[in-house]
Amino acid sequence: MEAQYSYLPIESTGFFSKIAVEYVQQHEGLSPFYQHSVSIEGIQAAIQARQQTINHRQLLYDVLVEQSAGLSLTTLQQNNLQAILSENT
């Protein structure tokens, strides 16, 4: 069975605010308020820019461990806390 789909323009959904629609449509008046366009290339550029920022993962982890010292964390919570140290989190 072949899947069928159709394109539905964002403005015709009635779900998004005017500013959200204008952002997706890349209206020039909004360009001073964002750095990366709404496109695959823009998402890739945003990821690359984010990877260049300094992260204080260890500090965040240490503070959260200290704050949760009196709590009984589940294995999932402990794993999530440990994941903060990963560059991909």
PDB file of N, CA and C in Angstrom:
ATOM      1  N   MET A   1       0.841  -1.174   0.000  1.00  0.00           N
ATOM      2  CA  MET A   1       0.000   0.000   0.000  1.00  0.00           C
ATOM      3  C   MET A   1       0.891   1.243   0.000  1.00  0.00           C
ATOM      4  N   GLU A   2       0.610   2.158  -0.867  1.00  0.00           N
ATOM      5  CA  GLU A   2       1.387   3.375  -0.984  1.00  0.00           C
ATOM      6  C   GLU A   2       0.750   4.469  -0.126  1.00  0.00           C
ATOM      7  N   ALA A   3       1.568   5.155   0.645  1.00  0.00           N
ATOM      8  CA  ALA A   3       1.069   6.230   1.506  1.00  0.00           C
ATOM      9  C   ALA A   3       0.733   7.458   0.661  1.00  0.00           C
ATOM     10  N   GLN A   4      -0.335   8.119   1.045  1.00  0.00           N
ATOM     11  CA  GLN A   4      -0.715   9.345   0.373  1.00  0.00           C
ATOM     12  C   GLN A   4      -0.626  10.490   1.372  1.00  0.00           C
ATOM     13  N   TYR A   5      -0.195  11.618   0.891  1.00  0.00           N
ATOM     14  CA  TYR A   5      -0.103  12.783   1.750  1.00  0.00           C
ATOM     15  C   TYR A   5      -0.395  14.023   0.920  1.00  0.00           C
ATOM     16  N   SER A   6      -0.674  15.086   1.616  1.00  0.00           N
ATOM     17  CA  SER A   6      -0.862  16.358   0.936  1.00  0.00           C
ATOM     18  C   SER A   6      -0.230  17.453   1.789  1.00  0.00           C
ATOM     19  N   TYR A   7       0.143  18.515   1.157  1.00  0.00           N
ATOM     20  CA  TYR A   7       0.769  19.652   1.814  1.00  0.00           C
ATOM     21  C   TYR A   7      -0.302  20.578   2.365  1.00  0.00           C
ATOM     22  N   LEU A   8      -0.152  20.957   3.609  1.00  0.00           N
ATOM     23  CA  LEU A   8      -1.078  21.880   4.248  1.00  0.00           C
ATOM     24  C   LEU A   8      -0.284  23.088   4.727  1.00  0.00           C
ATOM     25  N   PRO A   9      -0.461  24.234   4.104  1.00  0.00           N
ATOM     26  CA  PRO A   9       0.284  25.423   4.512  1.00  0.00           C
ATOM     27  C   PRO A   9      -0.005  25.783   5.975  1.00  0.00           C
ATOM     28  N   ILE A  10       1.018  26.195   6.685  1.00  0.00           N
ATOM     29  CA  ILE A  10       0.886  26.494   8.113  1.00  0.00           C
ATOM     30  C   ILE A  10      -0.208  27.527   8.380  1.00  0.00           C
ATOM     31  N   GLU A  11      -0.329  28.523   7.509  1.00  0.00           N
ATOM     32  CA  GLU A  11      -1.311  29.583   7.752  1.00  0.00           C
ATOM     33  C   GLU A  11      -2.747  29.100   7.611  1.00  0.00           C
ATOM     34  N   SER A  12      -2.950  28.006   6.907  1.00  0.00           N
ATOM     35  CA  SER A  12      -4.315  27.517   6.721  1.00  0.00           C
ATOM     36  C   SER A  12      -4.791  26.622   7.867  1.00  0.00           C
ATOM     37  N   THR A  13      -3.897  26.276   8.788  1.00  0.00           N
ATOM     38  CA  THR A  13      -4.304  25.403   9.886  1.00  0.00           C
ATOM     39  C   THR A  13      -5.139  26.136  10.920  1.00  0.00           C
ATOM     40  N   GLY A  14      -4.900  27.441  11.076  1.00  0.00           N
ATOM     41  CA  GLY A  14      -5.600  28.198  12.104  1.00  0.00           C
ATOM     42  C   GLY A  14      -5.105  27.896  13.502  1.00  0.00           C
ATOM     43  N   PHE A  15      -4.060  27.116  13.607  1.00  0.00           N
ATOM     44  CA  PHE A  15      -3.555  26.678  14.907  1.00  0.00           C
ATOM     45  C   PHE A  15      -2.460  27.591  15.449  1.00  0.00           C
ATOM     46  N   PHE A  16      -1.710  28.236  14.571  1.00  0.00           N
ATOM     47  CA  PHE A  16      -0.547  29.007  14.982  1.00  0.00           C
ATOM     48  C   PHE A  16      -0.849  30.498  15.007  1.00  0.00           C
ATOM     49  N   SER A  17      -0.144  31.203  15.877  1.00  0.00           N
ATOM     50  CA  SER A  17      -0.304  32.650  15.960  1.00  0.00           C
ATOM     51  C   SER A  17       0.267  33.310  14.707  1.00  0.00           C
ATOM     52  N   LYS A  18      -0.089  34.549  14.507  1.00  0.00           N
ATOM     53  CA  LYS A  18       0.385  35.298  13.345  1.00  0.00           C
ATOM     54  C   LYS A  18       1.912  35.373  13.344  1.00  0.00           C
ATOM     55  N   ILE A  19       2.490  35.612  14.491  1.00  0.00           N
ATOM     56  CA  ILE A  19       3.953  35.746  14.557  1.00  0.00           C
ATOM     57  C   ILE A  19       4.645  34.420  14.255  1.00  0.00           C
ATOM     58  N   ALA A  20       4.065  33.306  14.679  1.00  0.00           N
ATOM     59  CA  ALA A  20       4.645  31.992  14.379  1.00  0.00           C
ATOM     60  C   ALA A  20       4.594  31.722  12.882  1.00  0.00           C
ATOM     61  N   VAL A  21       3.480  32.069  12.254  1.00  0.00           N
ATOM     62  CA  VAL A  21       3.336  31.881  10.808  1.00  0.00           C
ATOM     63  C   VAL A  21       4.347  32.759  10.074  1.00  0.00           C
ATOM     64  N   GLU A  22       4.486  34.002  10.497  1.00  0.00           N
ATOM     65  CA  GLU A  22       5.427  34.912   9.847  1.00  0.00           C
ATOM     66  C   GLU A  22       6.869  34.447  10.050  1.00  0.00           C
ATOM     67  N   TYR A  23       7.174  33.870  11.199  1.00  0.00           N
ATOM     68  CA  TYR A  23       8.515  33.330  11.453  1.00  0.00           C
ATOM     69  C   TYR A  23       8.813  32.183  10.488  1.00  0.00           C
ATOM     70  N   VAL A  24       7.880  31.253  10.362  1.00  0.00           N
ATOM     71  CA  VAL A  24       8.073  30.108   9.459  1.00  0.00           C
ATOM     72  C   VAL A  24       8.185  30.592   8.012  1.00  0.00           C
ATOM     73  N   GLN A  25       7.432  31.621   7.678  1.00  0.00           N
ATOM     74  CA  GLN A  25       7.480  32.162   6.325  1.00  0.00           C
ATOM     75  C   GLN A  25       8.661  33.114   6.117  1.00  0.00           C
ATOM     76  N   GLN A  26       9.425  33.333   7.159  1.00  0.00           N
ATOM     77  CA  GLN A  26      10.639  34.159   7.143  1.00  0.00           C
ATOM     78  C   GLN A  26      10.379  35.591   6.680  1.00  0.00           C
ATOM     79  N   HIS A  27       9.347  36.224   7.267  1.00  0.00           N
ATOM     80  CA  HIS A  27       9.073  37.620   6.958  1.00  0.00           C
ATOM     81  C   HIS A  27      10.262  38.481   7.386  1.00  0.00           C
ATOM     82  N   GLU A  28      10.619  39.408   6.543  1.00  0.00           N
ATOM     83  CA  GLU A  28      11.803  40.237   6.773  1.00  0.00           C
ATOM     84  C   GLU A  28      11.740  41.020   8.081  1.00  0.00           C
ATOM     85  N   GLY A  29      10.571  41.455   8.490  1.00  0.00           N
ATOM     86  CA  GLY A  29      10.444  42.233   9.719  1.00  0.00           C
ATOM     87  C   GLY A  29      10.844  41.479  10.973  1.00  0.00           C
ATOM     88  N   LEU A  30      10.838  40.165  10.914  1.00  0.00           N
ATOM     89  CA  LEU A  30      11.212  39.359  12.081  1.00  0.00           C
ATOM     90  C   LEU A  30      12.682  38.955  12.087  1.00  0.00           C
ATOM     91  N   SER A  31      13.379  39.154  10.981  1.00  0.00           N
ATOM     92  CA  SER A  31      14.757  38.672  10.871  1.00  0.00           C
ATOM     93  C   SER A  31      15.709  39.195  11.947  1.00  0.00           C
ATOM     94  N   PRO A  32      15.503  40.387  12.510  1.00  0.00           N
ATOM     95  CA  PRO A  32      16.417  40.810  13.583  1.00  0.00           C
ATOM     96  C   PRO A  32      16.258  39.984  14.875  1.00  0.00           C
ATOM     97  N   PHE A  33      15.198  39.196  14.957  1.00  0.00           N
ATOM     98  CA  PHE A  33      14.893  38.500  16.202  1.00  0.00           C
ATOM     99  C   PHE A  33      15.303  37.033  16.223  1.00  0.00           C
ATOM    100  N   TYR A  34      15.870  36.545  15.141  1.00  0.00           N
ATOM    101  CA  TYR A  34      16.351  35.169  15.148  1.00  0.00           C
ATOM    102  C   TYR A  34      17.620  35.077  14.307  1.00  0.00           C
ATOM    103  N   GLN A  35      18.417  34.081  14.621  1.00  0.00           N
ATOM    104  CA  GLN A  35      19.701  33.926  13.956  1.00  0.00           C
ATOM    105  C   GLN A  35      19.662  32.883  12.841  1.00  0.00           C
ATOM    106  N   HIS A  36      18.873  31.840  13.017  1.00  0.00           N
ATOM    107  CA  HIS A  36      18.867  30.726  12.069  1.00  0.00           C
ATOM    108  C   HIS A  36      17.487  30.591  11.427  1.00  0.00           C
ATOM    109  N   SER A  37      17.492  30.325  10.136  1.00  0.00           N
ATOM    110  CA  SER A  37      16.230  30.213   9.404  1.00  0.00           C
ATOM    111  C   SER A  37      15.523  28.900   9.713  1.00  0.00           C
ATOM    112  N   VAL A  38      14.254  28.846   9.337  1.00  0.00           N
ATOM    113  CA  VAL A  38      13.449  27.642   9.505  1.00  0.00           C
ATOM    114  C   VAL A  38      13.670  26.769   8.273  1.00  0.00           C
ATOM    115  N   SER A  39      14.712  25.976   8.343  1.00  0.00           N
ATOM    116  CA  SER A  39      15.060  25.081   7.247  1.00  0.00           C
ATOM    117  C   SER A  39      16.010  24.033   7.793  1.00  0.00           C
ATOM    118  N   ILE A  40      16.272  23.018   7.019  1.00  0.00           N
ATOM    119  CA  ILE A  40      17.235  21.997   7.431  1.00  0.00           C
ATOM    120  C   ILE A  40      18.596  22.645   7.652  1.00  0.00           C
ATOM    121  N   GLU A  41      18.978  23.540   6.745  1.00  0.00           N
ATOM    122  CA  GLU A  41      20.260  24.224   6.874  1.00  0.00           C
ATOM    123  C   GLU A  41      20.299  25.078   8.139  1.00  0.00           C
ATOM    124  N   GLY A  42      19.188  25.739   8.438  1.00  0.00           N
ATOM    125  CA  GLY A  42      19.112  26.565   9.643  1.00  0.00           C
ATOM    126  C   GLY A  42      19.220  25.736  10.904  1.00  0.00           C
ATOM    127  N   ILE A  43      18.586  24.582  10.904  1.00  0.00           N
ATOM    128  CA  ILE A  43      18.667  23.679  12.059  1.00  0.00           C
ATOM    129  C   ILE A  43      20.093  23.177  12.225  1.00  0.00           C
ATOM    130  N   GLN A  44      20.730  22.807  11.117  1.00  0.00           N
ATOM    131  CA  GLN A  44      22.119  22.344  11.184  1.00  0.00           C
ATOM    132  C   GLN A  44      23.042  23.445  11.695  1.00  0.00           C
ATOM    133  N   ALA A  45      22.829  24.669  11.241  1.00  0.00           N
ATOM    134  CA  ALA A  45      23.638  25.799  11.700  1.00  0.00           C
ATOM    135  C   ALA A  45      23.415  26.055  13.186  1.00  0.00           C
ATOM    136  N   ALA A  46      22.178  25.925  13.641  1.00  0.00           N
ATOM    137  CA  ALA A  46      21.872  26.122  15.057  1.00  0.00           C
ATOM    138  C   ALA A  46      22.555  25.057  15.912  1.00  0.00           C
ATOM    139  N   ILE A  47      22.562  23.829  15.437  1.00  0.00           N
ATOM    140  CA  ILE A  47      23.227  22.744  16.174  1.00  0.00           C
ATOM    141  C   ILE A  47      24.718  23.026  16.265  1.00  0.00           C
ATOM    142  N   GLN A  48      25.316  23.418  15.143  1.00  0.00           N
ATOM    143  CA  GLN A  48      26.749  23.714  15.144  1.00  0.00           C
ATOM    144  C   GLN A  48      27.075  24.884  16.069  1.00  0.00           C
ATOM    145  N   ALA A  49      26.251  25.911  16.056  1.00  0.00           N
ATOM    146  CA  ALA A  49      26.478  27.066  16.929  1.00  0.00           C
ATOM    147  C   ALA A  49      26.346  26.662  18.386  1.00  0.00           C
ATOM    148  N   ARG A  50      25.374  25.825  18.674  1.00  0.00           N
ATOM    149  CA  ARG A  50      25.154  25.375  20.060  1.00  0.00           C
ATOM    150  C   ARG A  50      26.330  24.549  20.563  1.00  0.00           C
ATOM    151  N   GLN A  51      26.939  23.780  19.673  1.00  0.00           N
ATOM    152  CA  GLN A  51      28.074  22.952  20.056  1.00  0.00           C
ATOM    153  C   GLN A  51      29.306  23.795  20.380  1.00  0.00           C
ATOM    154  N   GLN A  52      29.313  25.046  19.952  1.00  0.00           N
ATOM    155  CA  GLN A  52      30.446  25.930  20.210  1.00  0.00           C
ATOM    156  C   GLN A  52      30.331  26.671  21.545  1.00  0.00           C
ATOM    157  N   THR A  53      29.188  26.574  22.183  1.00  0.00           N
ATOM    158  CA  THR A  53      29.005  27.296  23.452  1.00  0.00           C
ATOM    159  C   THR A  53      29.661  26.540  24.601  1.00  0.00           C
ATOM    160  N   ILE A  54      30.005  27.277  25.625  1.00  0.00           N
ATOM    161  CA  ILE A  54      30.598  26.673  26.816  1.00  0.00           C
ATOM    162  C   ILE A  54      29.473  26.155  27.696  1.00  0.00           C
ATOM    163  N   ASN A  55      29.565  24.889  28.033  1.00  0.00           N
ATOM    164  CA  ASN A  55      28.565  24.270  28.898  1.00  0.00           C
ATOM    165  C   ASN A  55      29.177  24.002  30.261  1.00  0.00           C
ATOM    166  N   HIS A  56      28.403  24.214  31.258  1.00  0.00           N
ATOM    167  CA  HIS A  56      28.848  23.972  32.629  1.00  0.00           C
ATOM    168  C   HIS A  56      28.161  22.716  33.150  1.00  0.00           C
ATOM    169  N   ARG A  57      28.309  21.646  32.405  1.00  0.00           N
ATOM    170  CA  ARG A  57      27.643  20.392  32.733  1.00  0.00           C
ATOM    171  C   ARG A  57      28.050  19.854  34.099  1.00  0.00           C
ATOM    172  N   GLN A  58      29.335  19.878  34.364  1.00  0.00           N
ATOM    173  CA  GLN A  58      29.813  19.325  35.624  1.00  0.00           C
ATOM    174  C   GLN A  58      29.261  20.124  36.800  1.00  0.00           C
ATOM    175  N   LEU A  59      29.257  21.444  36.685  1.00  0.00           N
ATOM    176  CA  LEU A  59      28.710  22.290  37.742  1.00  0.00           C
ATOM    177  C   LEU A  59      27.225  22.008  37.936  1.00  0.00           C
ATOM    178  N   LEU A  60      26.468  21.928  36.852  1.00  0.00           N
ATOM    179  CA  LEU A  60      25.040  21.627  36.936  1.00  0.00           C
ATOM    180  C   LEU A  60      24.823  20.278  37.601  1.00  0.00           C
ATOM    181  N   TYR A  61      25.572  19.291  37.167  1.00  0.00           N
ATOM    182  CA  TYR A  61      25.469  17.941  37.738  1.00  0.00           C
ATOM    183  C   TYR A  61      25.763  17.982  39.243  1.00  0.00           C
ATOM    184  N   ASP A  62      26.854  18.622  39.628  1.00  0.00           N
ATOM    185  CA  ASP A  62      27.248  18.688  41.042  1.00  0.00           C
ATOM    186  C   ASP A  62      26.172  19.352  41.900  1.00  0.00           C
ATOM    187  N   VAL A  63      25.607  20.430  41.393  1.00  0.00           N
ATOM    188  CA  VAL A  63      24.573  21.148  42.156  1.00  0.00           C
ATOM    189  C   VAL A  63      23.314  20.292  42.278  1.00  0.00           C
ATOM    190  N   LEU A  64      22.917  19.639  41.208  1.00  0.00           N
ATOM    191  CA  LEU A  64      21.726  18.788  41.264  1.00  0.00           C
ATOM    192  C   LEU A  64      21.933  17.591  42.187  1.00  0.00           C
ATOM    193  N   VAL A  65      23.124  17.020  42.171  1.00  0.00           N
ATOM    194  CA  VAL A  65      23.421  15.911  43.083  1.00  0.00           C
ATOM    195  C   VAL A  65      23.346  16.402  44.524  1.00  0.00           C
ATOM    196  N   GLU A  66      23.897  17.560  44.779  1.00  0.00           N
ATOM    197  CA  GLU A  66      23.860  18.136  46.126  1.00  0.00           C
ATOM    198  C   GLU A  66      22.417  18.412  46.565  1.00  0.00           C
ATOM    199  N   GLN A  67      21.621  18.977  45.670  1.00  0.00           N
ATOM    200  CA  GLN A  67      20.238  19.309  46.010  1.00  0.00           C
ATOM    201  C   GLN A  67      19.381  18.065  46.220  1.00  0.00           C
ATOM    202  N   SER A  68      19.718  16.980  45.572  1.00  0.00           N
ATOM    203  CA  SER A  68      18.909  15.771  45.698  1.00  0.00           C
ATOM    204  C   SER A  68      19.501  14.768  46.686  1.00  0.00           C
ATOM    205  N   ALA A  69      20.481  15.204  47.454  1.00  0.00           N
ATOM    206  CA  ALA A  69      21.190  14.298  48.367  1.00  0.00           C
ATOM    207  C   ALA A  69      20.249  13.614  49.357  1.00  0.00           C
ATOM    208  N   GLY A  70      19.237  14.288  49.832  1.00  0.00           N
ATOM    209  CA  GLY A  70      18.326  13.710  50.814  1.00  0.00           C
ATOM    210  C   GLY A  70      17.180  12.921  50.200  1.00  0.00           C
ATOM    211  N   LEU A  71      17.154  12.819  48.902  1.00  0.00           N
ATOM    212  CA  LEU A  71      16.053  12.149  48.218  1.00  0.00           C
ATOM    213  C   LEU A  71      16.452  10.748  47.786  1.00  0.00           C
ATOM    214  N   SER A  72      15.461   9.914  47.616  1.00  0.00           N
ATOM    215  CA  SER A  72      15.699   8.569  47.107  1.00  0.00           C
ATOM    216  C   SER A  72      15.335   8.570  45.624  1.00  0.00           C
ATOM    217  N   LEU A  73      16.361   8.672  44.776  1.00  0.00           N
ATOM    218  CA  LEU A  73      16.124   8.749  43.335  1.00  0.00           C
ATOM    219  C   LEU A  73      15.954   7.360  42.734  1.00  0.00           C
ATOM    220  N   THR A  74      15.052   7.266  41.770  1.00  0.00           N
ATOM    221  CA  THR A  74      14.877   6.006  41.050  1.00  0.00           C
ATOM    222  C   THR A  74      16.078   5.794  40.132  1.00  0.00           C
ATOM    223  N   THR A  75      16.203   4.608  39.605  1.00  0.00           N
ATOM    224  CA  THR A  75      17.287   4.322  38.666  1.00  0.00           C
ATOM    225  C   THR A  75      17.187   5.218  37.444  1.00  0.00           C
ATOM    226  N   LEU A  76      15.977   5.427  36.956  1.00  0.00           N
ATOM    227  CA  LEU A  76      15.774   6.300  35.801  1.00  0.00           C
ATOM    228  C   LEU A  76      16.220   7.728  36.119  1.00  0.00           C
ATOM    229  N   GLN A  77      15.855   8.219  37.287  1.00  0.00           N
ATOM    230  CA  GLN A  77      16.267   9.572  37.680  1.00  0.00           C
ATOM    231  C   GLN A  77      17.782   9.668  37.793  1.00  0.00           C
ATOM    232  N   GLN A  78      18.406   8.657  38.358  1.00  0.00           N
ATOM    233  CA  GLN A  78      19.867   8.648  38.468  1.00  0.00           C
ATOM    234  C   GLN A  78      20.517   8.624  37.083  1.00  0.00           C
ATOM    235  N   ASN A  79      19.953   7.825  36.190  1.00  0.00           N
ATOM    236  CA  ASN A  79      20.482   7.764  34.826  1.00  0.00           C
ATOM    237  C   ASN A  79      20.321   9.095  34.102  1.00  0.00           C
ATOM    238  N   ASN A  80      19.181   9.742  34.288  1.00  0.00           N
ATOM    239  CA  ASN A  80      18.947  11.048  33.673  1.00  0.00           C
ATOM    240  C   ASN A  80      19.902  12.090  34.231  1.00  0.00           C
ATOM    241  N   LEU A  81      20.141  12.033  35.517  1.00  0.00           N
ATOM    242  CA  LEU A  81      21.086  12.946  36.140  1.00  0.00           C
ATOM    243  C   LEU A  81      22.492  12.719  35.587  1.00  0.00           C
ATOM    244  N   GLN A  82      22.879  11.484  35.452  1.00  0.00           N
ATOM    245  CA  GLN A  82      24.193  11.149  34.901  1.00  0.00           C
ATOM    246  C   GLN A  82      24.308  11.592  33.439  1.00  0.00           C
ATOM    247  N   ALA A  83      23.198  11.554  32.708  1.00  0.00           N
ATOM    248  CA  ALA A  83      23.191  11.917  31.299  1.00  0.00           C
ATOM    249  C   ALA A  83      23.539  13.390  31.080  1.00  0.00           C
ATOM    250  N   ILE A  84      23.348  14.213  32.086  1.00  0.00           N
ATOM    251  CA  ILE A  84      23.688  15.631  31.980  1.00  0.00           C
ATOM    252  C   ILE A  84      25.154  15.810  31.611  1.00  0.00           C
ATOM    253  N   LEU A  85      25.984  14.878  32.004  1.00  0.00           N
ATOM    254  CA  LEU A  85      27.414  14.976  31.732  1.00  0.00           C
ATOM    255  C   LEU A  85      27.760  14.658  30.274  1.00  0.00           C
ATOM    256  N   SER A  86      26.818  14.098  29.537  1.00  0.00           N
ATOM    257  CA  SER A  86      27.056  13.734  28.141  1.00  0.00           C
ATOM    258  C   SER A  86      26.917  14.967  27.250  1.00  0.00           C
ATOM    259  N   GLU A  87      27.818  15.123  26.319  1.00  0.00           N
ATOM    260  CA  GLU A  87      27.784  16.248  25.386  1.00  0.00           C
ATOM    261  C   GLU A  87      26.553  16.236  24.476  1.00  0.00           C
ATOM    262  N   ASN A  88      25.913  15.085  24.348  1.00  0.00           N
ATOM    263  CA  ASN A  88      24.740  14.973  23.475  1.00  0.00           C
ATOM    264  C   ASN A  88      23.425  15.177  24.213  1.00  0.00           C
ATOM    265  N   THR A  89      23.490  15.509  25.474  1.00  0.00           N
ATOM    266  CA  THR A  89      22.262  15.719  26.243  1.00  0.00           C
ATOM    267  C   THR A  89      21.838  17.166  26.141  1.00  0.00           C
TER     268      THR A  89
END
